Protein backbone atom coordinates (compact mmCIF):
# COMPACT_ATOMS: atom_id res chain seq x y z
CA UNK A 1 -59.14 -92.42 106.04
CA UNK A 2 -58.03 -95.83 107.27
CA UNK A 3 -57.61 -96.88 103.66
CA UNK A 4 -57.98 -100.19 101.93
CA UNK A 5 -55.22 -102.18 100.24
CA UNK A 6 -57.02 -102.36 96.92
CA UNK A 7 -58.05 -100.64 93.75
CA UNK A 8 -61.55 -99.41 94.53
CA UNK A 9 -63.31 -100.98 91.59
CA UNK A 10 -61.51 -104.30 91.96
CA UNK A 11 -64.13 -105.43 94.43
CA UNK A 12 -66.84 -105.05 91.78
CA UNK A 13 -65.34 -107.49 89.31
CA UNK A 14 -67.26 -110.69 89.57
CA UNK A 15 -69.30 -109.39 92.50
CA UNK A 16 -72.21 -108.37 90.33
CA UNK A 17 -72.34 -110.87 87.51
CA UNK A 18 -73.56 -113.88 89.38
CA UNK A 19 -76.74 -112.11 90.43
CA UNK A 20 -77.55 -111.04 86.91
CA UNK A 21 -79.09 -114.47 86.59
CA UNK A 22 -80.03 -115.28 90.16
CA UNK A 23 -83.68 -114.46 89.52
CA UNK A 24 -84.36 -115.23 85.88
CA UNK A 25 -81.98 -118.14 85.48
CA UNK A 26 -81.98 -120.05 88.76
CA UNK A 27 -85.27 -121.91 88.68
CA UNK A 28 -85.00 -125.51 89.75
CA UNK A 29 -85.68 -128.11 92.40
CA UNK A 30 -84.55 -127.58 95.97
CA UNK A 31 -83.60 -129.68 98.95
CA UNK A 32 -85.83 -127.48 101.08
CA UNK A 33 -88.99 -125.72 100.01
CA UNK A 34 -88.76 -121.97 100.41
CA UNK A 35 -90.89 -120.64 103.22
CA UNK A 36 -92.37 -117.32 102.11
CA UNK A 37 -92.04 -114.47 104.55
CA UNK A 38 -94.86 -112.11 105.38
CA UNK A 39 -92.75 -109.12 104.48
CA UNK A 40 -93.58 -107.11 101.38
CA UNK A 41 -91.75 -103.91 100.62
CA UNK A 42 -94.05 -100.87 100.60
CA UNK A 43 -95.79 -100.50 97.26
CA UNK A 44 -95.06 -104.03 96.05
CA UNK A 45 -97.71 -106.05 94.30
CA UNK A 46 -97.95 -109.24 92.25
CA UNK A 47 -97.75 -107.34 88.96
CA UNK A 48 -94.50 -105.73 90.05
CA UNK A 49 -93.15 -109.10 91.20
CA UNK A 50 -93.92 -110.52 87.75
CA UNK A 51 -91.95 -107.73 86.08
CA UNK A 52 -89.02 -108.26 88.43
CA UNK A 53 -88.98 -112.01 87.81
CA UNK A 54 -88.89 -111.41 84.08
CA UNK A 55 -85.84 -109.19 84.33
CA UNK A 56 -82.36 -109.32 85.79
CA UNK A 57 -81.19 -108.10 89.17
CA UNK A 58 -78.42 -106.19 87.43
CA UNK A 59 -80.90 -104.10 85.49
CA UNK A 60 -83.19 -103.27 88.42
CA UNK A 61 -83.01 -99.60 89.32
CA UNK A 62 -84.68 -97.36 91.87
CA UNK A 63 -87.99 -98.74 93.10
CA UNK A 64 -87.32 -102.07 91.40
CA UNK A 65 -84.20 -102.47 93.54
CA UNK A 66 -85.92 -101.35 96.73
CA UNK A 67 -88.76 -103.82 96.27
CA UNK A 68 -86.71 -106.64 94.75
CA UNK A 69 -83.93 -106.65 97.32
CA UNK A 70 -86.50 -106.80 100.12
CA UNK A 71 -88.41 -109.73 98.62
CA UNK A 72 -85.88 -112.18 97.22
CA UNK A 73 -87.66 -115.14 98.81
CA UNK A 74 -90.67 -114.32 96.63
CA UNK A 75 -88.68 -113.80 93.44
CA UNK A 76 -86.18 -116.67 93.38
CA UNK A 77 -85.80 -120.19 94.79
CA UNK A 78 -84.35 -120.00 98.28
CA UNK A 79 -83.47 -122.14 101.27
CA UNK A 80 -84.35 -120.99 104.77
CA UNK A 81 -81.78 -120.23 107.45
CA UNK A 82 -83.70 -120.78 110.67
CA UNK A 83 -83.48 -118.82 113.89
CA UNK A 84 -83.38 -120.62 117.22
CA UNK A 85 -85.30 -120.26 120.49
CA UNK A 86 -82.94 -117.65 121.96
CA UNK A 87 -81.88 -114.26 120.57
CA UNK A 88 -78.58 -112.53 121.17
CA UNK A 89 -79.75 -109.35 122.87
CA UNK A 90 -78.75 -105.99 121.43
CA UNK A 91 -79.48 -103.46 124.17
CA UNK A 92 -80.31 -100.01 122.87
CA UNK A 93 -78.02 -97.27 124.13
CA UNK A 94 -78.65 -94.67 121.47
CA UNK A 95 -76.03 -91.99 121.15
CA UNK A 96 -76.82 -88.48 119.99
CA UNK A 97 -75.68 -88.34 116.36
CA UNK A 98 -77.24 -84.94 115.70
CA UNK A 99 -73.77 -83.40 115.67
CA UNK A 100 -72.34 -86.09 113.42
CA UNK A 101 -70.87 -84.81 110.15
CA UNK A 102 -68.46 -86.02 107.52
CA UNK A 103 -66.52 -84.18 104.87
CA UNK A 104 -66.05 -85.30 101.29
CA UNK A 105 -64.70 -83.29 98.37
CA UNK A 106 -64.50 -80.23 100.60
CA UNK A 107 -68.20 -80.30 101.56
CA UNK A 108 -69.54 -81.20 105.00
CA UNK A 109 -72.72 -83.30 105.31
CA UNK A 110 -74.90 -85.03 107.89
CA UNK A 111 -76.44 -88.50 108.06
CA UNK A 112 -79.59 -87.42 106.25
CA UNK A 113 -77.48 -86.46 103.25
CA UNK A 114 -75.69 -89.83 103.28
CA UNK A 115 -78.90 -91.82 103.47
CA UNK A 116 -80.64 -89.79 100.78
CA UNK A 117 -77.70 -89.63 98.38
CA UNK A 118 -76.76 -93.33 98.54
CA UNK A 119 -80.33 -94.67 98.88
CA UNK A 120 -79.64 -96.13 102.32
CA UNK A 121 -82.69 -97.90 103.77
CA UNK A 122 -80.99 -99.32 106.86
CA UNK A 123 -78.07 -98.09 108.98
CA UNK A 124 -76.96 -99.77 112.21
CA UNK A 125 -74.02 -99.03 114.49
CA UNK A 126 -73.19 -101.36 117.40
CA UNK A 127 -70.51 -100.42 119.93
CA UNK A 128 -69.60 -102.54 122.97
CA UNK A 129 -72.50 -104.85 122.07
CA UNK A 130 -75.08 -102.07 122.23
CA UNK A 131 -77.02 -100.33 119.49
CA UNK A 132 -75.87 -96.72 119.44
CA UNK A 133 -77.52 -95.85 116.11
CA UNK A 134 -80.33 -97.49 114.13
CA UNK A 135 -82.11 -95.77 111.28
CA UNK A 136 -84.47 -96.92 108.54
CA UNK A 137 -85.85 -95.09 105.52
CA UNK A 138 -88.36 -95.36 102.68
CA UNK A 139 -90.78 -97.57 104.59
CA UNK A 140 -88.29 -100.21 105.66
CA UNK A 141 -88.14 -101.53 109.22
CA UNK A 142 -86.17 -103.82 111.51
CA UNK A 143 -88.17 -106.74 110.05
CA UNK A 144 -87.11 -106.09 106.44
CA UNK A 145 -84.85 -108.78 105.00
CA UNK A 146 -82.45 -107.36 102.46
CA UNK A 147 -80.36 -108.90 99.67
CA UNK A 148 -76.68 -109.09 100.63
CA UNK A 149 -74.97 -109.63 97.27
CA UNK A 150 -71.30 -110.46 97.97
CA UNK A 151 -71.59 -109.93 101.72
CA UNK A 152 -72.55 -113.61 101.54
CA UNK A 153 -68.93 -114.44 100.70
CA UNK A 154 -67.82 -113.33 104.14
CA UNK A 155 -70.57 -115.48 105.70
CA UNK A 156 -69.22 -118.39 103.65
CA UNK A 157 -65.79 -117.64 105.10
CA UNK A 158 -67.25 -118.07 108.59
CA UNK A 159 -68.68 -121.44 107.52
CA UNK A 160 -65.21 -122.62 106.49
CA UNK A 161 -64.02 -121.74 109.98
CA UNK A 162 -66.87 -123.79 111.42
CA UNK A 163 -66.04 -126.73 109.14
CA UNK A 164 -62.40 -126.64 110.28
CA UNK A 165 -63.46 -126.57 113.93
CA UNK A 166 -65.78 -129.53 113.30
CA UNK A 167 -63.01 -131.49 111.62
CA UNK A 168 -65.09 -131.66 108.44
CA UNK A 169 -62.12 -130.04 106.72
CA UNK A 170 -58.68 -130.96 108.00
CA UNK A 171 -56.72 -128.10 106.48
CA UNK A 172 -57.13 -125.24 104.02
CA UNK A 173 -54.12 -126.69 102.22
CA UNK A 174 -56.37 -129.44 100.86
CA UNK A 175 -56.66 -129.26 97.09
CA UNK A 176 -60.01 -128.24 95.67
CA UNK A 177 -60.22 -131.50 93.68
CA UNK A 178 -60.44 -133.49 96.93
CA UNK A 179 -63.95 -132.10 97.37
CA UNK A 180 -64.87 -131.42 93.72
CA UNK A 181 -63.38 -134.41 91.86
CA UNK A 182 -64.58 -133.11 88.49
CA UNK A 183 -61.89 -130.41 88.74
CA UNK A 184 -59.07 -132.97 88.97
CA UNK A 185 -56.68 -132.94 85.99
CA UNK A 186 -57.77 -129.41 85.06
CA UNK A 187 -56.26 -125.98 85.64
CA UNK A 188 -57.44 -126.33 89.24
CA UNK A 189 -54.82 -129.00 89.94
CA UNK A 190 -52.67 -127.67 92.77
CA UNK A 191 -55.28 -125.07 93.75
CA UNK A 192 -56.03 -125.24 97.47
CA UNK A 193 -58.99 -124.13 99.53
CA UNK A 194 -56.85 -121.28 100.81
CA UNK A 195 -56.14 -120.11 97.26
CA UNK A 196 -59.86 -120.08 96.55
CA UNK A 197 -60.70 -118.14 99.72
CA UNK A 198 -58.04 -115.61 98.76
CA UNK A 199 -59.36 -115.27 95.18
CA UNK A 200 -56.05 -116.48 93.75
CA UNK A 201 -56.78 -119.76 91.98
CA UNK A 202 -54.74 -118.57 89.00
CA UNK A 203 -57.38 -119.92 86.59
CA UNK A 204 -58.16 -117.54 83.72
CA UNK A 205 -61.46 -115.73 84.03
CA UNK A 206 -62.89 -112.87 81.98
CA UNK A 207 -65.51 -110.89 83.91
CA UNK A 208 -66.13 -108.22 81.27
CA UNK A 209 -69.87 -107.59 81.30
CA UNK A 210 -69.64 -105.60 78.06
CA UNK A 211 -68.20 -108.56 76.13
CA UNK A 212 -70.89 -111.10 75.11
CA UNK A 213 -68.18 -113.75 74.65
CA UNK A 214 -66.67 -113.30 78.12
CA UNK A 215 -66.78 -116.05 80.73
CA UNK A 216 -69.17 -114.16 82.91
CA UNK A 217 -71.67 -113.78 80.09
CA UNK A 218 -71.81 -117.56 79.68
CA UNK A 219 -73.10 -118.11 83.20
CA UNK A 220 -76.83 -117.58 82.53
CA UNK A 221 -76.75 -120.27 79.85
CA UNK A 222 -74.68 -122.64 82.00
CA UNK A 223 -76.92 -122.21 84.99
CA UNK A 224 -80.03 -122.84 82.92
CA UNK A 225 -78.49 -125.91 81.32
CA UNK A 226 -77.16 -127.58 84.44
CA UNK A 227 -76.52 -125.31 87.39
CA UNK A 228 -73.34 -125.80 89.36
CA UNK A 229 -72.34 -128.97 87.49
CA UNK A 230 -72.38 -127.17 84.14
CA UNK A 231 -70.63 -124.15 85.64
CA UNK A 232 -67.93 -126.32 87.19
CA UNK A 233 -67.37 -128.20 83.94
CA UNK A 234 -66.96 -124.89 82.12
CA UNK A 235 -64.52 -123.59 84.70
CA UNK A 236 -62.53 -126.79 84.52
CA UNK A 237 -62.01 -126.15 80.82
CA UNK A 238 -60.38 -122.76 81.41
CA UNK A 239 -56.61 -122.41 81.03
CA UNK A 240 -54.30 -121.42 83.84
CA UNK A 241 -53.28 -117.77 83.83
CA UNK A 242 -50.90 -117.79 86.79
CA UNK A 243 -49.48 -120.12 89.41
CA UNK A 244 -51.94 -120.66 92.28
CA UNK A 245 -51.61 -118.06 94.98
CA UNK A 246 -49.72 -115.51 92.88
CA UNK A 247 -52.46 -113.50 91.14
CA UNK A 248 -55.55 -111.91 92.73
CA UNK A 249 -58.58 -112.28 90.46
CA UNK A 250 -61.93 -111.53 92.09
CA UNK A 251 -64.18 -114.28 90.78
CA UNK A 252 -67.61 -115.11 92.17
CA UNK A 253 -67.70 -118.27 90.08
CA UNK A 254 -64.74 -119.56 92.11
CA UNK A 255 -66.57 -118.54 95.28
CA UNK A 256 -69.62 -120.54 94.22
CA UNK A 257 -67.47 -123.65 93.82
CA UNK A 258 -66.77 -123.33 97.52
CA UNK A 259 -70.46 -124.12 98.11
CA UNK A 260 -69.80 -127.51 96.53
CA UNK A 261 -66.78 -127.94 98.82
CA UNK A 262 -68.87 -127.29 101.92
CA UNK A 263 -71.62 -129.59 100.68
CA UNK A 264 -69.07 -132.38 100.14
CA UNK A 265 -67.33 -131.77 103.46
CA UNK A 266 -70.41 -131.40 105.66
CA UNK A 267 -73.11 -133.28 103.78
CA UNK A 268 -75.40 -130.27 104.23
CA UNK A 269 -76.60 -127.26 102.30
CA UNK A 270 -75.07 -123.93 103.23
CA UNK A 271 -78.37 -122.86 104.78
CA UNK A 272 -78.58 -125.92 107.02
CA UNK A 273 -74.96 -125.64 108.06
CA UNK A 274 -75.30 -121.91 108.74
CA UNK A 275 -78.43 -122.60 110.81
CA UNK A 276 -76.70 -125.30 112.85
CA UNK A 277 -73.30 -123.70 113.36
CA UNK A 278 -73.93 -119.95 113.58
CA UNK A 279 -77.51 -118.72 113.20
CA UNK A 280 -79.08 -120.65 116.10
CA UNK A 281 -76.15 -120.93 118.52
CA UNK A 282 -75.25 -117.25 118.22
CA UNK A 283 -78.86 -116.16 118.55
CA UNK A 284 -79.89 -114.48 115.33
CA UNK A 285 -83.26 -112.80 115.69
CA UNK A 286 -84.98 -113.71 112.41
CA UNK A 287 -84.98 -116.36 109.72
CA UNK A 288 -82.91 -115.59 106.63
CA UNK A 289 -83.12 -116.84 103.03
CA UNK A 290 -80.35 -117.91 100.68
CA UNK A 291 -80.85 -118.07 96.90
CA UNK A 292 -80.08 -121.43 95.31
CA UNK A 293 -78.56 -122.03 91.89
CA UNK A 294 -79.89 -124.23 89.17
CA UNK A 295 -81.07 -127.69 90.11
CA UNK A 296 -80.11 -129.47 93.32
CA UNK A 297 -80.90 -126.76 95.85
CA UNK A 298 -77.31 -125.67 96.54
CA UNK A 299 -76.94 -122.04 97.52
CA UNK A 300 -74.62 -119.45 96.02
CA UNK A 301 -71.54 -119.24 98.25
CA UNK A 302 -70.68 -115.94 96.60
CA UNK A 303 -73.99 -114.15 96.75
CA UNK A 304 -77.57 -113.69 97.73
CA UNK A 305 -78.23 -114.24 101.42
CA UNK A 306 -81.15 -112.11 102.67
CA UNK A 307 -81.33 -111.13 106.35
CA UNK A 308 -82.48 -108.29 108.58
CA UNK A 309 -80.24 -105.36 109.40
CA UNK A 310 -79.82 -106.38 113.02
CA UNK A 311 -78.81 -109.89 112.01
CA UNK A 312 -76.23 -108.44 109.61
CA UNK A 313 -74.99 -106.55 112.64
CA UNK A 314 -74.85 -109.81 114.59
CA UNK A 315 -72.82 -111.39 111.77
CA UNK A 316 -70.33 -108.60 112.38
CA UNK A 317 -70.40 -109.43 116.09
CA UNK A 318 -69.66 -113.10 115.37
CA UNK A 319 -66.48 -111.86 113.69
CA UNK A 320 -65.72 -109.23 116.34
CA UNK A 321 -66.02 -111.88 119.08
CA UNK A 322 -63.83 -114.29 117.08
CA UNK A 323 -66.65 -116.80 116.95
CA UNK A 324 -67.50 -116.87 120.65
CA UNK A 325 -71.18 -117.66 121.25
CA UNK A 326 -73.18 -115.93 124.00
CA UNK A 327 -72.67 -118.95 126.31
CA UNK A 328 -68.91 -118.83 125.74
CA UNK A 329 -68.76 -121.85 123.45
CA UNK A 330 -66.71 -121.68 120.29
CA UNK A 331 -68.38 -121.45 116.88
CA UNK A 332 -65.07 -120.95 115.06
CA UNK A 333 -61.51 -122.08 115.79
CA UNK A 334 -59.53 -119.89 118.19
CA UNK A 335 -57.88 -117.11 116.23
CA UNK A 336 -59.91 -117.79 113.09
CA UNK A 337 -60.70 -114.15 112.43
CA UNK A 338 -57.05 -113.15 112.80
CA UNK A 339 -56.15 -115.81 110.25
CA UNK A 340 -58.97 -115.01 107.84
CA UNK A 341 -58.23 -111.27 107.92
CA UNK A 342 -54.51 -111.63 107.34
CA UNK A 343 -53.25 -110.11 104.09
CA UNK A 344 -53.08 -112.55 101.19
CA UNK A 345 -49.82 -112.94 99.26
CA UNK A 346 -51.50 -111.81 96.03
CA UNK A 347 -53.48 -108.91 97.52
CA UNK A 348 -52.62 -107.17 100.80
CA UNK A 349 -56.16 -105.83 100.98
CA UNK A 350 -57.89 -109.22 100.94
CA UNK A 351 -58.10 -112.14 103.36
CA UNK A 352 -60.45 -115.12 103.26
CA UNK A 353 -63.44 -113.46 101.53
CA UNK A 354 -62.98 -110.32 103.69
CA UNK A 355 -61.69 -106.93 102.53
CA UNK A 356 -59.00 -105.39 104.76
CA UNK A 357 -58.16 -101.86 105.84
CA UNK A 358 -54.77 -100.54 106.91
CA UNK A 359 -56.07 -99.58 110.35
CA UNK A 360 -56.93 -103.18 111.33
CA UNK A 361 -60.62 -103.01 110.46
CA UNK A 362 -62.11 -105.31 107.85
CA UNK A 363 -65.41 -105.55 106.02
CA UNK A 364 -67.85 -107.52 103.92
CA UNK A 365 -68.94 -105.73 100.77
CA UNK A 366 -71.80 -106.35 98.37
CA UNK A 367 -72.84 -104.75 95.11
CA UNK A 368 -75.12 -101.71 95.18
CA UNK A 369 -74.11 -100.69 98.70
CA UNK A 370 -74.32 -103.62 101.12
CA UNK A 371 -71.75 -103.42 103.90
CA UNK A 372 -70.67 -104.90 107.24
CA UNK A 373 -67.72 -103.11 108.85
CA UNK A 374 -65.87 -104.72 111.78
CA UNK A 375 -63.62 -102.34 113.71
CA UNK A 376 -61.96 -104.28 116.56
CA UNK A 377 -59.96 -101.32 117.88
CA UNK A 378 -63.19 -99.34 118.33
CA UNK A 379 -65.28 -102.37 119.43
CA UNK A 380 -67.74 -101.37 116.72
CA UNK A 381 -69.77 -102.95 113.91
CA UNK A 382 -71.51 -100.95 111.17
CA UNK A 383 -74.14 -102.56 108.92
CA UNK A 384 -75.64 -100.82 105.89
CA UNK A 385 -78.45 -101.74 103.48
CA UNK A 386 -78.61 -99.64 100.31
CA UNK A 387 -79.57 -99.61 96.66
CA UNK A 388 -76.99 -97.60 94.77
CA UNK A 389 -77.70 -96.52 91.17
CA UNK A 390 -74.62 -98.52 90.10
CA UNK A 391 -73.08 -101.70 91.45
CA UNK A 392 -69.89 -99.82 92.27
CA UNK A 393 -67.87 -96.84 91.20
CA UNK A 394 -65.05 -94.91 92.81
CA UNK A 395 -67.29 -92.04 93.93
CA UNK A 396 -69.86 -94.27 95.62
CA UNK A 397 -67.20 -96.34 97.36
CA UNK A 398 -65.32 -93.28 98.57
CA UNK A 399 -68.55 -91.75 99.90
CA UNK A 400 -69.57 -94.94 101.69
CA UNK A 401 -66.11 -95.58 103.17
CA UNK A 402 -65.75 -91.98 104.36
CA UNK A 403 -69.04 -92.20 106.24
CA UNK A 404 -68.28 -95.63 107.67
CA UNK A 405 -64.92 -94.50 109.03
CA UNK A 406 -66.51 -91.36 110.51
CA UNK A 407 -69.30 -93.41 112.11
CA UNK A 408 -66.81 -95.82 113.68
CA UNK A 409 -64.78 -92.93 115.11
CA UNK A 410 -67.86 -91.10 116.41
CA UNK A 411 -69.47 -94.19 117.94
CA UNK A 412 -66.29 -95.45 119.56
CA UNK A 413 -65.22 -92.12 121.02
CA UNK A 414 -65.36 -91.92 124.81
């Protein structure tokens, strides 16, 4: 395997907690009214939606996940990310994957086994800009929008590249308090935007979901009481655990603060900025929806963008093309992807909200099996939509990564 510079379960810490309250605890006003899609997952009805709204995304299992993840715009407040008049074409050049197999724990399996075992509802492989494999399952189609979980962090990383290119942000060495003044004279003093993108603020954070007194377990209350402002005030009260940039601590609450940074820098919501800088100019095929937190209509920078499988594939192509639009214009600074996928001082397996592999590939990862793999050496992108029975565990991650690496090799082989 290409390998990843990380402890497998480290990517779960903080990745799941924020969405435990994205449905039940995020009601509030918005800058944009959500535009309901026509999509309804097979078997969904209003009674089921009511049950899902009353619960938590973290406790959804099986059919609840399949229906809930496909209908987030009906279950939570969202802002629309709007497509433009032109679509980046993905020609279909399907390759015969009937001979494709992978081996794990001494047993050899095919794609049907992978999709059935890991509850995969969408699998897309793009090589040299062409679709070589596209499969859907359990009633889902190319029109199904699917919850991304922490894949949204990597999209946020792209937005920081766009903000740098626009001059909205002068440098990632700016301190966080320049954009979020309420964090001045707190443990975030000296913490830069780069530290935040590398998950190394050094601010103490306890993400133990089994501890009712942990920081993560306070978030539902904070969000209900005051959204991002209450969350930021709470975070500003936390002590410093390590010098900025020296300790990797995966923290979605820190990622969400970066939404406030982009709002301050650009004067726009994440959805509007994503529409303007990437979604329309690159040519995404469908509208997307981004869950907002608390009052004020600001989206989660660390979670909860919903898009179609092909548009997740196009997100991978934005990265693979280093931000070059179809017309050759630049969406991101030259060399942005090389910079944002360079190993961080505190974690060699992490860049700017991207996970890194030893073989030069990198990926976006979301709880319960969401994945975008970018393999520059093989000119390939793999996008996966799933609903795992657990957010993460070593066995699920190993299974997923084994298949992804095998798919990249198979698709990119001459």
